[in-house]
Amino acid sequence: MGGLQAAAVAQIKEICGRYKDEKTPLMMILSDIQNEYGYIPLEVQEIVSQETGISVAEIYGVVTFYSFFSLTPKGKYVIGCCLGTACYVKGAQQVIDKFSEILKIKPGQTSEDGMFTLDALRCIGACGIAPAVTINGTVYPKMTVGQVPGIIKHYLDAEKEGATA
């Protein structure tokens, strides 16, 4: 979002204005901004601070505490690998390691082409289908290391088809 455009600033101010009558509006404001832009960089936090009177330090603390907020842009496809106890015991670490190896990124990073973000998640409540992986809301149950290359290929092929269509 570097060097925010006037329209983006106006949109952020409008989002802040939606919650001016709320006693504790910060989570709602940040959630709406995250949904709109995909991340909440420092310059956006500064605008929220100006509009709400909440310190940048407090806003930054909330953004960095909750895993669903991000300071940096996410990839087009966000791969979430559950590392909760049930998933971990059934091989989730090896699955995330394989994603990491193929995509050449570590958990919390986005691939250079902006296609994939790899996230290590704590329990997602899918213990019965462990190890579980989510990609943009689609759940992949009982993942194995052997399935990882095919899943990545599926998303890359979908991109190629979309580009030629």
N, C-alpha and C. Protein backbone atom coordinates (compact mmCIF):
# COMPACT_ATOMS: atom_id res chain seq x y z
N MET A 1 0.83 -1.19 0.00
CA MET A 1 0.00 0.00 0.00
C MET A 1 0.87 1.25 0.00
N GLY A 2 2.20 1.08 0.03
CA GLY A 2 3.15 2.18 0.17
C GLY A 2 2.73 3.44 -0.56
N GLY A 3 2.76 4.58 0.12
CA GLY A 3 2.32 5.85 -0.45
C GLY A 3 0.84 5.82 -0.73
N LEU A 4 0.06 5.82 0.31
CA LEU A 4 -1.39 5.67 0.17
C LEU A 4 -2.00 6.71 -0.75
N GLN A 5 -2.86 6.26 -1.61
CA GLN A 5 -3.60 7.15 -2.49
C GLN A 5 -4.73 7.81 -1.69
N ALA A 6 -5.17 8.96 -2.17
CA ALA A 6 -6.23 9.71 -1.48
C ALA A 6 -7.49 8.87 -1.30
N ALA A 7 -7.81 8.04 -2.29
CA ALA A 7 -9.01 7.20 -2.19
C ALA A 7 -8.88 6.18 -1.06
N ALA A 8 -7.68 5.63 -0.88
CA ALA A 8 -7.45 4.66 0.19
C ALA A 8 -7.56 5.34 1.55
N VAL A 9 -6.98 6.54 1.66
CA VAL A 9 -7.07 7.29 2.92
C VAL A 9 -8.53 7.59 3.25
N ALA A 10 -9.28 8.01 2.24
CA ALA A 10 -10.70 8.30 2.44
C ALA A 10 -11.46 7.05 2.87
N GLN A 11 -11.14 5.92 2.25
CA GLN A 11 -11.79 4.65 2.59
C GLN A 11 -11.48 4.26 4.05
N ILE A 12 -10.24 4.42 4.46
CA ILE A 12 -9.86 4.08 5.83
C ILE A 12 -10.58 4.99 6.82
N LYS A 13 -10.65 6.27 6.50
CA LYS A 13 -11.38 7.21 7.37
C LYS A 13 -12.87 6.86 7.43
N GLU A 14 -13.41 6.43 6.31
CA GLU A 14 -14.83 6.03 6.28
C GLU A 14 -15.04 4.80 7.15
N ILE A 15 -14.13 3.84 7.09
CA ILE A 15 -14.23 2.65 7.93
C ILE A 15 -14.19 3.05 9.40
N CYS A 16 -13.28 3.95 9.76
CA CYS A 16 -13.20 4.41 11.15
C CYS A 16 -14.50 5.08 11.56
N GLY A 17 -15.08 5.86 10.66
CA GLY A 17 -16.32 6.57 10.95
C GLY A 17 -17.50 5.65 11.20
N ARG A 18 -17.49 4.48 10.60
CA ARG A 18 -18.58 3.51 10.80
C ARG A 18 -18.76 3.16 12.27
N TYR A 19 -17.68 3.21 13.02
CA TYR A 19 -17.69 2.71 14.39
C TYR A 19 -17.49 3.82 15.42
N LYS A 20 -17.72 5.06 15.04
CA LYS A 20 -17.46 6.19 15.95
C LYS A 20 -18.33 6.15 17.21
N ASP A 21 -19.47 5.49 17.15
CA ASP A 21 -20.35 5.42 18.32
C ASP A 21 -20.11 4.17 19.16
N GLU A 22 -19.19 3.34 18.74
CA GLU A 22 -18.88 2.12 19.50
C GLU A 22 -17.94 2.46 20.65
N LYS A 23 -18.14 1.76 21.77
CA LYS A 23 -17.30 1.99 22.93
C LYS A 23 -15.87 1.48 22.68
N THR A 24 -15.75 0.33 22.07
CA THR A 24 -14.43 -0.25 21.75
C THR A 24 -14.41 -0.67 20.27
N PRO A 25 -14.10 0.28 19.40
CA PRO A 25 -14.22 0.03 17.96
C PRO A 25 -13.02 -0.61 17.28
N LEU A 26 -11.89 -0.71 17.95
CA LEU A 26 -10.64 -1.04 17.28
C LEU A 26 -10.68 -2.36 16.51
N MET A 27 -11.14 -3.42 17.13
CA MET A 27 -11.16 -4.72 16.45
C MET A 27 -12.03 -4.68 15.20
N MET A 28 -13.15 -4.02 15.26
CA MET A 28 -14.05 -3.93 14.10
C MET A 28 -13.40 -3.13 12.97
N ILE A 29 -12.76 -2.02 13.33
CA ILE A 29 -12.08 -1.19 12.34
C ILE A 29 -10.96 -1.98 11.67
N LEU A 30 -10.11 -2.60 12.48
CA LEU A 30 -8.98 -3.36 11.93
C LEU A 30 -9.46 -4.53 11.08
N SER A 31 -10.51 -5.19 11.51
CA SER A 31 -11.07 -6.31 10.74
C SER A 31 -11.55 -5.83 9.37
N ASP A 32 -12.27 -4.72 9.34
CA ASP A 32 -12.76 -4.19 8.06
C ASP A 32 -11.60 -3.79 7.15
N ILE A 33 -10.57 -3.18 7.73
CA ILE A 33 -9.40 -2.78 6.92
C ILE A 33 -8.68 -4.00 6.40
N GLN A 34 -8.48 -5.01 7.25
CA GLN A 34 -7.83 -6.25 6.83
C GLN A 34 -8.62 -6.89 5.69
N ASN A 35 -9.95 -6.93 5.82
CA ASN A 35 -10.79 -7.53 4.77
C ASN A 35 -10.71 -6.74 3.47
N GLU A 36 -10.60 -5.43 3.58
CA GLU A 36 -10.57 -4.56 2.39
C GLU A 36 -9.22 -4.61 1.67
N TYR A 37 -8.14 -4.56 2.43
CA TYR A 37 -6.81 -4.42 1.83
C TYR A 37 -5.91 -5.65 1.97
N GLY A 38 -6.25 -6.55 2.89
CA GLY A 38 -5.45 -7.76 3.06
C GLY A 38 -4.33 -7.63 4.07
N TYR A 39 -4.04 -6.41 4.51
CA TYR A 39 -3.02 -6.20 5.53
C TYR A 39 -3.17 -4.79 6.11
N ILE A 40 -2.44 -4.55 7.22
CA ILE A 40 -2.57 -3.28 7.94
C ILE A 40 -1.18 -2.73 8.24
N PRO A 41 -0.58 -2.03 7.26
CA PRO A 41 0.76 -1.48 7.47
C PRO A 41 0.74 -0.30 8.45
N LEU A 42 1.93 0.12 8.87
CA LEU A 42 2.07 1.19 9.85
C LEU A 42 1.38 2.47 9.42
N GLU A 43 1.49 2.85 8.15
CA GLU A 43 0.88 4.11 7.72
C GLU A 43 -0.64 4.07 7.87
N VAL A 44 -1.25 2.91 7.72
CA VAL A 44 -2.70 2.77 7.94
C VAL A 44 -3.00 2.85 9.43
N GLN A 45 -2.15 2.24 10.24
CA GLN A 45 -2.34 2.31 11.69
C GLN A 45 -2.29 3.77 12.16
N GLU A 46 -1.42 4.56 11.55
CA GLU A 46 -1.32 5.98 11.92
C GLU A 46 -2.61 6.74 11.59
N ILE A 47 -3.23 6.42 10.47
CA ILE A 47 -4.51 7.05 10.11
C ILE A 47 -5.59 6.65 11.12
N VAL A 48 -5.64 5.36 11.45
CA VAL A 48 -6.61 4.88 12.43
C VAL A 48 -6.40 5.60 13.76
N SER A 49 -5.16 5.78 14.14
CA SER A 49 -4.84 6.49 15.38
C SER A 49 -5.37 7.92 15.34
N GLN A 50 -5.12 8.60 14.24
CA GLN A 50 -5.60 9.99 14.10
C GLN A 50 -7.12 10.06 14.16
N GLU A 51 -7.78 9.10 13.57
CA GLU A 51 -9.24 9.11 13.49
C GLU A 51 -9.91 8.69 14.79
N THR A 52 -9.25 7.85 15.57
CA THR A 52 -9.89 7.28 16.77
C THR A 52 -9.34 7.82 18.08
N GLY A 53 -8.13 8.39 18.02
CA GLY A 53 -7.49 8.81 19.26
C GLY A 53 -6.80 7.67 20.01
N ILE A 54 -6.80 6.48 19.43
CA ILE A 54 -6.12 5.33 20.02
C ILE A 54 -4.65 5.39 19.59
N SER A 55 -3.75 5.19 20.52
CA SER A 55 -2.33 5.31 20.20
C SER A 55 -1.89 4.28 19.17
N VAL A 56 -0.90 4.67 18.36
CA VAL A 56 -0.33 3.75 17.37
C VAL A 56 0.24 2.53 18.09
N ALA A 57 0.82 2.72 19.26
CA ALA A 57 1.39 1.59 20.01
C ALA A 57 0.31 0.57 20.35
N GLU A 58 -0.85 1.04 20.78
CA GLU A 58 -1.93 0.12 21.12
C GLU A 58 -2.45 -0.59 19.86
N ILE A 59 -2.60 0.15 18.77
CA ILE A 59 -3.06 -0.44 17.51
C ILE A 59 -2.07 -1.48 17.04
N TYR A 60 -0.79 -1.14 17.04
CA TYR A 60 0.26 -2.06 16.62
C TYR A 60 0.25 -3.33 17.49
N GLY A 61 0.04 -3.14 18.78
CA GLY A 61 -0.03 -4.28 19.70
C GLY A 61 -1.15 -5.24 19.34
N VAL A 62 -2.29 -4.70 18.96
CA VAL A 62 -3.43 -5.54 18.56
C VAL A 62 -3.14 -6.24 17.24
N VAL A 63 -2.61 -5.48 16.27
CA VAL A 63 -2.32 -6.05 14.95
C VAL A 63 -1.31 -7.18 15.04
N THR A 64 -0.31 -7.04 15.88
CA THR A 64 0.73 -8.06 15.99
C THR A 64 0.33 -9.21 16.93
N PHE A 65 -0.62 -8.98 17.82
CA PHE A 65 -1.05 -10.03 18.74
C PHE A 65 -1.93 -11.06 18.05
N TYR A 66 -2.89 -10.59 17.26
CA TYR A 66 -3.85 -11.50 16.63
C TYR A 66 -3.34 -11.98 15.28
N SER A 67 -3.31 -13.30 15.10
CA SER A 67 -2.71 -13.89 13.90
C SER A 67 -3.51 -13.60 12.63
N PHE A 68 -4.77 -13.22 12.75
CA PHE A 68 -5.55 -12.97 11.54
C PHE A 68 -5.30 -11.58 10.97
N PHE A 69 -4.57 -10.74 11.70
CA PHE A 69 -4.14 -9.45 11.15
C PHE A 69 -2.72 -9.61 10.61
N SER A 70 -2.39 -8.82 9.59
CA SER A 70 -1.07 -8.92 8.99
C SER A 70 -0.51 -7.53 8.74
N LEU A 71 0.80 -7.38 8.95
CA LEU A 71 1.50 -6.13 8.66
C LEU A 71 1.97 -6.07 7.21
N THR A 72 1.99 -7.21 6.55
CA THR A 72 2.48 -7.28 5.17
C THR A 72 1.44 -7.94 4.28
N PRO A 73 1.52 -7.67 2.98
CA PRO A 73 0.54 -8.29 2.07
C PRO A 73 0.66 -9.81 2.07
N LYS A 74 -0.48 -10.45 1.92
CA LYS A 74 -0.52 -11.91 1.82
C LYS A 74 -0.53 -12.29 0.34
N GLY A 75 -0.16 -13.53 0.07
CA GLY A 75 -0.20 -14.04 -1.28
C GLY A 75 -1.63 -14.26 -1.74
N LYS A 76 -1.77 -14.51 -3.03
CA LYS A 76 -3.09 -14.79 -3.59
C LYS A 76 -3.69 -16.04 -2.93
N TYR A 77 -2.83 -17.01 -2.65
CA TYR A 77 -3.26 -18.24 -1.99
C TYR A 77 -2.57 -18.33 -0.64
N VAL A 78 -3.36 -18.35 0.42
CA VAL A 78 -2.81 -18.43 1.77
C VAL A 78 -2.96 -19.87 2.25
N ILE A 79 -1.82 -20.51 2.43
CA ILE A 79 -1.77 -21.91 2.87
C ILE A 79 -1.59 -21.91 4.38
N GLY A 80 -2.57 -22.43 5.07
CA GLY A 80 -2.50 -22.54 6.52
C GLY A 80 -2.33 -23.99 6.92
N CYS A 81 -1.22 -24.30 7.56
CA CYS A 81 -0.96 -25.66 8.02
C CYS A 81 -1.17 -25.71 9.53
N CYS A 82 -2.13 -26.51 9.95
CA CYS A 82 -2.40 -26.65 11.38
C CYS A 82 -1.27 -27.42 12.03
N LEU A 83 -0.75 -26.83 13.11
CA LEU A 83 0.29 -27.51 13.88
C LEU A 83 -0.19 -27.78 15.31
N GLY A 84 -1.52 -27.83 15.48
CA GLY A 84 -2.07 -28.22 16.78
C GLY A 84 -1.64 -29.64 17.11
N THR A 85 -1.88 -30.05 18.33
CA THR A 85 -1.37 -31.34 18.81
C THR A 85 -1.75 -32.51 17.92
N ALA A 86 -3.03 -32.66 17.59
CA ALA A 86 -3.47 -33.81 16.78
C ALA A 86 -2.81 -33.79 15.41
N CYS A 87 -2.76 -32.63 14.79
CA CYS A 87 -2.14 -32.52 13.46
C CYS A 87 -0.63 -32.77 13.54
N TYR A 88 -0.01 -32.20 14.56
CA TYR A 88 1.44 -32.36 14.72
C TYR A 88 1.81 -33.83 14.88
N VAL A 89 1.06 -34.53 15.73
CA VAL A 89 1.34 -35.94 15.99
C VAL A 89 1.18 -36.77 14.71
N LYS A 90 0.31 -36.33 13.82
CA LYS A 90 0.05 -37.09 12.58
C LYS A 90 0.88 -36.58 11.40
N GLY A 91 1.92 -35.78 11.67
CA GLY A 91 2.87 -35.44 10.62
C GLY A 91 2.75 -34.05 10.01
N ALA A 92 2.05 -33.14 10.66
CA ALA A 92 1.87 -31.80 10.11
C ALA A 92 3.19 -31.05 9.91
N GLN A 93 4.16 -31.28 10.79
CA GLN A 93 5.44 -30.58 10.64
C GLN A 93 6.11 -30.96 9.32
N GLN A 94 6.04 -32.23 8.97
CA GLN A 94 6.64 -32.67 7.71
C GLN A 94 5.89 -32.07 6.51
N VAL A 95 4.58 -31.92 6.65
CA VAL A 95 3.77 -31.33 5.58
C VAL A 95 4.15 -29.87 5.38
N ILE A 96 4.21 -29.09 6.46
CA ILE A 96 4.57 -27.68 6.32
C ILE A 96 6.00 -27.54 5.82
N ASP A 97 6.87 -28.42 6.25
CA ASP A 97 8.26 -28.40 5.77
C ASP A 97 8.31 -28.63 4.25
N LYS A 98 7.45 -29.49 3.74
CA LYS A 98 7.43 -29.77 2.30
C LYS A 98 6.92 -28.55 1.53
N PHE A 99 5.85 -27.91 2.03
CA PHE A 99 5.37 -26.67 1.40
C PHE A 99 6.50 -25.65 1.38
N SER A 100 7.18 -25.53 2.51
CA SER A 100 8.27 -24.57 2.64
C SER A 100 9.39 -24.86 1.65
N GLU A 101 9.75 -26.11 1.52
CA GLU A 101 10.83 -26.52 0.61
C GLU A 101 10.46 -26.20 -0.85
N ILE A 102 9.25 -26.57 -1.26
CA ILE A 102 8.84 -26.38 -2.66
C ILE A 102 8.66 -24.89 -2.98
N LEU A 103 8.04 -24.15 -2.07
CA LEU A 103 7.75 -22.74 -2.33
C LEU A 103 8.95 -21.83 -2.02
N LYS A 104 9.96 -22.40 -1.36
CA LYS A 104 11.17 -21.66 -0.98
C LYS A 104 10.85 -20.46 -0.07
N ILE A 105 9.92 -20.69 0.85
CA ILE A 105 9.56 -19.69 1.87
C ILE A 105 9.39 -20.39 3.20
N LYS A 106 9.54 -19.62 4.26
CA LYS A 106 9.31 -20.13 5.60
C LYS A 106 7.90 -19.74 6.04
N PRO A 107 7.36 -20.41 7.06
CA PRO A 107 6.06 -19.99 7.59
C PRO A 107 6.09 -18.50 7.96
N GLY A 108 5.02 -17.81 7.58
CA GLY A 108 4.93 -16.37 7.81
C GLY A 108 5.42 -15.55 6.63
N GLN A 109 5.94 -16.21 5.60
CA GLN A 109 6.47 -15.49 4.44
C GLN A 109 5.57 -15.69 3.22
N THR A 110 5.78 -14.81 2.24
CA THR A 110 5.05 -14.87 0.97
C THR A 110 6.07 -15.08 -0.14
N SER A 111 5.71 -15.91 -1.11
CA SER A 111 6.61 -16.19 -2.22
C SER A 111 6.88 -14.91 -3.02
N GLU A 112 8.04 -14.86 -3.66
CA GLU A 112 8.46 -13.66 -4.40
C GLU A 112 7.45 -13.24 -5.46
N ASP A 113 6.77 -14.22 -6.06
CA ASP A 113 5.80 -13.89 -7.11
C ASP A 113 4.45 -13.45 -6.54
N GLY A 114 4.32 -13.45 -5.20
CA GLY A 114 3.08 -13.01 -4.56
C GLY A 114 1.96 -14.02 -4.64
N MET A 115 2.27 -15.22 -5.07
CA MET A 115 1.22 -16.25 -5.24
C MET A 115 0.84 -16.95 -3.94
N PHE A 116 1.85 -17.29 -3.11
CA PHE A 116 1.58 -18.11 -1.94
C PHE A 116 2.11 -17.47 -0.67
N THR A 117 1.32 -17.56 0.39
CA THR A 117 1.77 -17.24 1.73
C THR A 117 1.63 -18.52 2.53
N LEU A 118 2.63 -18.84 3.32
CA LEU A 118 2.62 -20.04 4.14
C LEU A 118 2.48 -19.64 5.60
N ASP A 119 1.43 -20.13 6.25
CA ASP A 119 1.19 -19.81 7.66
C ASP A 119 1.13 -21.08 8.50
N ALA A 120 1.82 -21.06 9.63
CA ALA A 120 1.70 -22.13 10.61
C ALA A 120 0.58 -21.72 11.56
N LEU A 121 -0.44 -22.56 11.67
CA LEU A 121 -1.59 -22.25 12.50
C LEU A 121 -1.60 -23.12 13.75
N ARG A 122 -2.16 -22.59 14.79
CA ARG A 122 -2.42 -23.41 15.97
C ARG A 122 -3.74 -24.12 15.72
N CYS A 123 -4.24 -24.90 16.60
CA CYS A 123 -5.39 -25.76 16.36
C CYS A 123 -6.52 -25.03 15.62
N ILE A 124 -6.95 -25.63 14.51
CA ILE A 124 -8.06 -25.06 13.73
C ILE A 124 -9.36 -25.82 13.99
N GLY A 125 -9.31 -26.77 14.92
CA GLY A 125 -10.52 -27.50 15.29
C GLY A 125 -10.88 -28.61 14.31
N ALA A 126 -9.91 -29.10 13.58
CA ALA A 126 -10.16 -30.15 12.60
C ALA A 126 -9.41 -31.42 13.00
N CYS A 127 -9.39 -31.71 14.27
CA CYS A 127 -8.58 -32.81 14.80
C CYS A 127 -8.96 -34.17 14.20
N GLY A 128 -10.21 -34.36 13.85
CA GLY A 128 -10.66 -35.63 13.30
C GLY A 128 -10.14 -35.90 11.90
N ILE A 129 -9.65 -34.86 11.22
CA ILE A 129 -9.12 -35.03 9.86
C ILE A 129 -7.65 -34.64 9.79
N ALA A 130 -6.97 -34.78 10.93
CA ALA A 130 -5.57 -34.37 11.03
C ALA A 130 -4.67 -35.23 10.16
N PRO A 131 -3.61 -34.65 9.64
CA PRO A 131 -3.27 -33.23 9.66
C PRO A 131 -4.05 -32.45 8.61
N ALA A 132 -4.49 -31.26 8.99
CA ALA A 132 -5.35 -30.44 8.12
C ALA A 132 -4.59 -29.24 7.60
N VAL A 133 -4.88 -28.91 6.34
CA VAL A 133 -4.32 -27.73 5.68
C VAL A 133 -5.49 -26.96 5.09
N THR A 134 -5.43 -25.64 5.17
CA THR A 134 -6.44 -24.81 4.51
C THR A 134 -5.75 -23.94 3.47
N ILE A 135 -6.43 -23.74 2.36
CA ILE A 135 -5.95 -22.81 1.35
C ILE A 135 -7.15 -21.95 0.95
N ASN A 136 -7.09 -20.68 1.34
CA ASN A 136 -8.17 -19.73 1.07
C ASN A 136 -9.54 -20.30 1.45
N GLY A 137 -9.60 -20.98 2.58
CA GLY A 137 -10.88 -21.47 3.08
C GLY A 137 -11.21 -22.91 2.69
N THR A 138 -10.50 -23.47 1.72
CA THR A 138 -10.72 -24.86 1.35
C THR A 138 -9.87 -25.72 2.28
N VAL A 139 -10.51 -26.72 2.89
CA VAL A 139 -9.81 -27.59 3.83
C VAL A 139 -9.36 -28.86 3.12
N TYR A 140 -8.10 -29.19 3.33
CA TYR A 140 -7.52 -30.41 2.80
C TYR A 140 -7.28 -31.35 3.99
N PRO A 141 -8.08 -32.42 4.10
CA PRO A 141 -7.97 -33.32 5.25
C PRO A 141 -6.88 -34.37 5.08
N LYS A 142 -6.39 -34.86 6.21
CA LYS A 142 -5.44 -35.98 6.25
C LYS A 142 -4.31 -35.80 5.23
N MET A 143 -3.71 -34.63 5.27
CA MET A 143 -2.64 -34.30 4.33
C MET A 143 -1.43 -35.18 4.53
N THR A 144 -0.78 -35.47 3.43
CA THR A 144 0.49 -36.20 3.48
C THR A 144 1.54 -35.38 2.73
N VAL A 145 2.78 -35.65 3.01
CA VAL A 145 3.88 -34.97 2.32
C VAL A 145 3.77 -35.22 0.81
N GLY A 146 3.37 -36.42 0.43
CA GLY A 146 3.26 -36.77 -0.97
C GLY A 146 2.20 -35.98 -1.73
N GLN A 147 1.20 -35.46 -1.04
CA GLN A 147 0.14 -34.68 -1.69
C GLN A 147 0.55 -33.23 -1.97
N VAL A 148 1.54 -32.74 -1.27
CA VAL A 148 1.90 -31.33 -1.34
C VAL A 148 2.26 -30.87 -2.76
N PRO A 149 3.14 -31.56 -3.49
CA PRO A 149 3.47 -31.09 -4.84
C PRO A 149 2.25 -30.98 -5.75
N GLY A 150 1.34 -31.93 -5.68
CA GLY A 150 0.13 -31.92 -6.51
C GLY A 150 -0.79 -30.76 -6.18
N ILE A 151 -0.88 -30.43 -4.91
CA ILE A 151 -1.73 -29.30 -4.51
C ILE A 151 -1.14 -27.99 -5.04
N ILE A 152 0.15 -27.81 -4.89
CA ILE A 152 0.78 -26.60 -5.42
C ILE A 152 0.60 -26.54 -6.93
N LYS A 153 0.81 -27.66 -7.60
CA LYS A 153 0.65 -27.72 -9.06
C LYS A 153 -0.78 -27.34 -9.45
N HIS A 154 -1.76 -27.81 -8.70
CA HIS A 154 -3.17 -27.50 -8.97
C HIS A 154 -3.40 -25.98 -9.00
N TYR A 155 -2.86 -25.28 -8.01
CA TYR A 155 -3.06 -23.83 -7.94
C TYR A 155 -2.26 -23.10 -9.03
N LEU A 156 -1.08 -23.58 -9.34
CA LEU A 156 -0.29 -22.96 -10.41
C LEU A 156 -0.96 -23.19 -11.77
N ASP A 157 -1.49 -24.40 -11.99
CA ASP A 157 -2.20 -24.69 -13.24
C ASP A 157 -3.46 -23.83 -13.37
N ALA A 158 -4.16 -23.64 -12.27
CA ALA A 158 -5.36 -22.80 -12.28
C ALA A 158 -5.00 -21.37 -12.68
N GLU A 159 -3.85 -20.91 -12.23
CA GLU A 159 -3.37 -19.56 -12.59
C GLU A 159 -3.09 -19.48 -14.08
N LYS A 160 -2.43 -20.50 -14.61
CA LYS A 160 -2.10 -20.52 -16.04
C LYS A 160 -3.37 -20.51 -16.88
N GLU A 161 -4.35 -21.32 -16.47
CA GLU A 161 -5.61 -21.37 -17.19
C GLU A 161 -6.34 -20.04 -17.13
N GLY A 162 -6.30 -19.41 -15.96
CA GLY A 162 -6.93 -18.11 -15.80
C GLY A 162 -6.26 -17.03 -16.64
N ALA A 163 -4.95 -17.15 -16.81
CA ALA A 163 -4.20 -16.16 -17.58
C ALA A 163 -4.48 -16.28 -19.08
N THR A 164 -4.78 -17.50 -19.51
CA THR A 164 -5.02 -17.70 -20.95
C THR A 164 -6.49 -17.53 -21.31
N ALA A 165 -7.34 -17.54 -20.32
CA ALA A 165 -8.79 -17.44 -20.59
C ALA A 165 -9.21 -16.03 -20.93
